Amino acid sequence: MQDDALARAWLRGFARAVEEGEEKLTALDSAIGDGDHGINMRRGTGQVRRMLLRDRAATETSGELLGEAGLLLRDHVGGAAGVLYGSAFQAIGAALGDRTGAAQLGDALQAGLDAVVRLGAAAAGDKTMVDAYGPAVTSFRAVCSQGGNLGEATTAAAAAAEAGARTTIPMQARKGRASYLGYRSIGHLDPGAASTAMLFRTLAEEVTAGPDRDLSFVRIACMPGV
């Protein structure tokens, strides 16, 4: 990210995606959680959207912008999701700073994942957002290591996040509110993994196609019975 333009577009795109997918995210959470994931995420991303409308300093870096977004998400999403998303964005922003390039963004995304794992004490297979976030970072960095560009890396990350989210359907939850359901959590897509897939899809779309976004994953993954 050579300036804050892509960071702004990513945050704006994610806010739109959450707004459009609010009811579906909440429906997913109603099945195995408190039923408020979409509502809470929209409240937080709405604050981020309002932040983006304010006049910004010309010298503001992508890292500073993403860090400020993290603070807003932490304060306004509420609950575990607010802490996890807020901390992820704060870590991404701190690691990115004013650095540029795909490899640097990969390092920053890894820092975000590390923050989520540390705070949530979750691992792959626990039926959480880590099941989408982890594969996304692995795919992103693999493309970078092979000489791929930012568009290729974000596209691979988005596909991996979506595939990872789908793997949560047959899992039994071992973390969070869903874990209280035991075997009854099996057969449901984890809402945090679904919103994480939206996060990486919007990043890829803003890198490769700007406003011409494809939110098919939200529509398909959140359909009853999928």
Protein backbone atom coordinates (compact mmCIF):
# COMPACT_ATOMS: atom_id res chain seq x y z
CA MET A 1 0.00 0.00 0.00
CA GLN A 2 1.87 3.04 -1.25
CA ASP A 3 -0.52 5.48 0.43
CA ASP A 4 -3.79 5.18 2.27
CA ALA A 5 -5.94 4.83 -0.88
CA LEU A 6 -6.13 1.03 -0.83
CA ALA A 7 -6.57 0.92 2.94
CA ARG A 8 -9.49 3.34 2.60
CA ALA A 9 -11.02 1.31 -0.22
CA TRP A 10 -10.63 -1.94 1.71
CA LEU A 11 -12.28 -0.55 4.83
CA ARG A 12 -15.07 1.05 2.79
CA GLY A 13 -15.64 -2.18 0.85
CA PHE A 14 -15.72 -4.28 4.01
CA ALA A 15 -18.25 -1.91 5.56
CA ARG A 16 -20.47 -2.25 2.48
CA ALA A 17 -20.14 -6.03 2.53
CA VAL A 18 -21.11 -6.20 6.19
CA GLU A 19 -24.08 -3.93 5.57
CA GLU A 20 -25.26 -6.08 2.68
CA GLY A 21 -24.64 -9.31 4.58
CA GLU A 22 -25.87 -8.20 8.00
CA GLU A 23 -29.03 -10.31 8.05
CA LYS A 24 -27.24 -13.41 6.81
CA LEU A 25 -24.42 -13.08 9.33
CA THR A 26 -26.96 -12.61 12.09
CA ALA A 27 -28.90 -15.67 10.89
CA LEU A 28 -25.71 -17.74 11.06
CA ASP A 29 -25.04 -16.49 14.57
CA SER A 30 -28.63 -17.16 15.63
CA ALA A 31 -28.07 -20.84 14.90
CA ILE A 32 -25.01 -21.32 17.13
CA GLY A 33 -24.34 -18.05 18.94
CA ASP A 34 -26.01 -15.00 20.42
CA GLY A 35 -27.68 -13.96 17.16
CA ASP A 36 -26.03 -10.55 16.95
CA HIS A 37 -22.87 -10.94 14.83
CA GLY A 38 -24.23 -9.13 11.79
CA ILE A 39 -25.82 -6.39 13.87
CA ASN A 40 -22.68 -5.82 15.89
CA MET A 41 -20.35 -5.90 12.90
CA ARG A 42 -22.50 -3.38 11.06
CA ARG A 43 -22.43 -1.07 14.06
CA GLY A 44 -18.64 -1.20 14.15
CA THR A 45 -18.03 -0.88 10.44
CA GLY A 46 -20.53 1.97 10.35
CA GLN A 47 -18.25 3.87 12.71
CA VAL A 48 -15.33 3.09 10.42
CA ARG A 49 -17.29 4.38 7.43
CA ARG A 50 -18.00 7.63 9.27
CA MET A 51 -14.33 7.93 10.16
CA LEU A 52 -13.45 7.66 6.47
CA LEU A 53 -15.72 10.58 5.65
CA ARG A 54 -13.74 12.95 7.84
CA ASP A 55 -10.94 15.08 6.45
CA ARG A 56 -7.70 13.17 6.79
CA ALA A 57 -4.15 14.37 7.11
CA ALA A 58 -2.26 14.08 3.84
CA THR A 59 0.62 12.38 5.62
CA GLU A 60 -1.48 9.64 7.19
CA THR A 61 -0.14 6.19 6.41
CA SER A 62 -2.11 3.04 5.66
CA GLY A 63 -0.92 1.63 8.96
CA GLU A 64 -2.27 4.58 10.91
CA LEU A 65 -5.62 4.39 9.13
CA LEU A 66 -6.01 0.65 9.73
CA GLY A 67 -4.98 1.07 13.35
CA GLU A 68 -7.62 3.74 13.90
CA ALA A 69 -10.20 1.47 12.29
CA GLY A 70 -9.17 -1.24 14.73
CA LEU A 71 -9.81 1.00 17.70
CA LEU A 72 -13.29 1.80 16.39
CA LEU A 73 -14.11 -1.85 15.78
CA ARG A 74 -12.90 -2.79 19.24
CA ASP A 75 -15.00 -0.08 20.86
CA HIS A 76 -18.20 -0.40 18.81
CA VAL A 77 -18.59 -4.01 17.66
CA GLY A 78 -18.59 -5.23 21.24
CA GLY A 79 -18.04 -8.69 22.65
CA ALA A 80 -15.41 -11.14 21.49
CA ALA A 81 -15.78 -10.15 17.83
CA GLY A 82 -14.98 -6.54 18.65
CA VAL A 83 -11.84 -7.47 20.55
CA LEU A 84 -10.67 -9.89 17.86
CA TYR A 85 -11.38 -7.73 14.81
CA GLY A 86 -10.18 -4.59 16.56
CA SER A 87 -6.95 -6.20 17.69
CA ALA A 88 -6.38 -7.73 14.25
CA PHE A 89 -6.64 -4.35 12.53
CA GLN A 90 -4.50 -2.66 15.15
CA ALA A 91 -1.82 -5.31 14.69
CA ILE A 92 -2.04 -5.07 10.91
CA GLY A 93 -1.68 -1.30 11.09
CA ALA A 94 1.23 -1.41 13.51
CA ALA A 95 3.08 -3.99 11.41
CA LEU A 96 2.40 -2.22 8.12
CA GLY A 97 3.24 1.33 9.10
CA ASP A 98 4.33 3.17 5.97
CA ARG A 99 5.78 0.11 4.24
CA THR A 100 4.69 -0.85 0.75
CA GLY A 101 4.41 -3.97 -1.33
CA ALA A 102 2.68 -7.34 -1.25
CA ALA A 103 5.25 -9.04 0.97
CA GLN A 104 4.94 -6.28 3.57
CA LEU A 105 1.15 -6.58 3.57
CA GLY A 106 1.54 -10.34 3.99
CA ASP A 107 3.66 -9.74 7.09
CA ALA A 108 1.03 -7.36 8.43
CA LEU A 109 -1.80 -9.83 7.82
CA GLN A 110 0.23 -12.44 9.68
CA ALA A 111 0.55 -10.03 12.60
CA GLY A 112 -3.23 -9.67 12.60
CA LEU A 113 -3.66 -13.44 12.66
CA ASP A 114 -1.16 -13.75 15.50
CA ALA A 115 -3.18 -11.23 17.52
CA VAL A 116 -6.42 -13.14 16.93
CA VAL A 117 -4.84 -16.48 17.90
CA ARG A 118 -3.25 -15.00 21.00
CA LEU A 119 -6.40 -13.30 22.26
CA GLY A 120 -8.88 -15.99 21.26
CA ALA A 121 -6.65 -18.93 22.19
CA ALA A 122 -8.05 -20.63 19.08
CA ALA A 123 -6.42 -22.92 16.57
CA ALA A 124 -7.37 -24.36 13.21
CA GLY A 125 -10.26 -26.76 13.63
CA ASP A 126 -11.86 -24.97 16.58
CA LYS A 127 -14.65 -23.56 14.34
CA THR A 128 -13.72 -19.87 14.58
CA MET A 129 -12.56 -17.04 12.35
CA VAL A 130 -9.07 -18.59 12.51
CA ASP A 131 -10.27 -21.34 10.17
CA ALA A 132 -10.75 -18.70 7.47
CA TYR A 133 -8.00 -16.24 8.45
CA GLY A 134 -5.21 -18.82 8.74
CA PRO A 135 -5.57 -20.31 5.22
CA ALA A 136 -5.92 -16.80 3.78
CA VAL A 137 -2.58 -15.68 5.20
CA THR A 138 -0.87 -18.92 4.19
CA SER A 139 -2.09 -18.58 0.60
CA PHE A 140 -1.23 -14.88 0.44
CA ARG A 141 2.34 -15.45 1.58
CA ALA A 142 2.78 -18.52 -0.64
CA VAL A 143 1.91 -16.46 -3.73
CA CYS A 144 4.28 -13.71 -2.63
CA SER A 145 7.10 -16.20 -2.08
CA GLN A 146 6.61 -17.41 -5.65
CA GLY A 147 6.90 -13.89 -7.04
CA GLY A 148 3.20 -13.17 -7.40
CA ASN A 149 1.81 -9.65 -7.34
CA LEU A 150 -0.65 -8.09 -4.93
CA GLY A 151 -3.66 -8.93 -7.06
CA GLU A 152 -2.68 -12.58 -7.30
CA ALA A 153 -1.91 -12.78 -3.58
CA THR A 154 -5.18 -11.20 -2.45
CA THR A 155 -7.22 -13.30 -4.88
CA ALA A 156 -5.62 -16.48 -3.55
CA ALA A 157 -6.17 -15.31 0.03
CA ALA A 158 -9.85 -14.64 -0.62
CA ALA A 159 -10.40 -18.06 -2.16
CA ALA A 160 -8.59 -19.74 0.73
CA ALA A 161 -10.62 -17.80 3.32
CA GLU A 162 -13.88 -18.80 1.67
CA ALA A 163 -12.81 -22.45 1.48
CA GLY A 164 -11.64 -22.31 5.08
CA ALA A 165 -14.95 -20.85 6.22
CA ARG A 166 -16.82 -23.70 4.56
CA THR A 167 -14.71 -26.24 6.43
CA THR A 168 -16.31 -25.02 9.66
CA ILE A 169 -19.69 -26.46 8.66
CA PRO A 170 -18.95 -30.09 9.69
CA MET A 171 -16.86 -29.06 12.72
CA GLN A 172 -17.92 -29.19 16.33
CA ALA A 173 -17.12 -25.87 17.97
CA ARG A 174 -14.42 -25.89 20.63
CA LYS A 175 -14.30 -22.14 21.33
CA GLY A 176 -16.77 -19.36 21.94
CA ARG A 177 -20.51 -19.39 22.50
CA ALA A 178 -21.01 -22.14 19.92
CA SER A 179 -18.91 -24.55 21.99
CA TYR A 180 -21.70 -24.66 24.58
CA LEU A 181 -23.87 -26.48 22.03
CA GLY A 182 -21.50 -29.42 21.70
CA TYR A 183 -22.43 -31.70 18.79
CA ARG A 184 -25.38 -29.42 17.94
CA SER A 185 -22.90 -26.90 16.52
CA ILE A 186 -22.11 -29.39 13.74
CA GLY A 187 -23.66 -28.53 10.38
CA HIS A 188 -23.51 -24.75 10.74
CA LEU A 189 -21.15 -22.26 9.12
CA ASP A 190 -19.27 -20.28 11.75
CA PRO A 191 -20.36 -16.61 11.53
CA GLY A 192 -16.91 -15.25 12.42
CA ALA A 193 -15.34 -17.34 9.67
CA ALA A 194 -17.99 -16.06 7.25
CA SER A 195 -17.30 -12.40 8.05
CA THR A 196 -13.56 -13.07 7.82
CA ALA A 197 -14.05 -14.48 4.33
CA MET A 198 -15.91 -11.28 3.46
CA LEU A 199 -12.95 -9.29 4.78
CA PHE A 200 -10.48 -11.01 2.48
CA ARG A 201 -12.84 -11.05 -0.51
CA THR A 202 -13.33 -7.30 -0.29
CA LEU A 203 -9.57 -6.78 -0.09
CA ALA A 204 -9.10 -8.80 -3.28
CA GLU A 205 -11.90 -7.00 -5.04
CA GLU A 206 -10.58 -3.55 -4.17
CA VAL A 207 -7.11 -4.55 -5.39
CA THR A 208 -8.25 -6.15 -8.64
CA ALA A 209 -11.52 -4.49 -9.58
CA GLY A 210 -12.21 -1.53 -7.35
CA PRO A 211 -15.94 -1.02 -6.81
CA ASP A 212 -17.00 -3.91 -9.09
CA ARG A 213 -17.37 -6.31 -6.20
CA ASP A 214 -18.62 -9.90 -6.24
CA LEU A 215 -20.27 -10.84 -2.96
CA SER A 216 -21.41 -14.26 -4.18
CA PHE A 217 -19.75 -15.96 -1.22
CA VAL A 218 -21.99 -14.09 1.20
CA ARG A 219 -25.10 -15.06 -0.76
CA ILE A 220 -24.14 -18.70 -1.25
CA ALA A 221 -22.51 -19.53 2.07
CA CYS A 222 -25.30 -18.03 4.12
CA MET A 223 -28.12 -19.84 2.36
CA PRO A 224 -30.05 -22.27 4.58
CA GLY A 225 -28.71 -25.77 4.37
CA VAL A 226 -25.34 -24.84 2.88
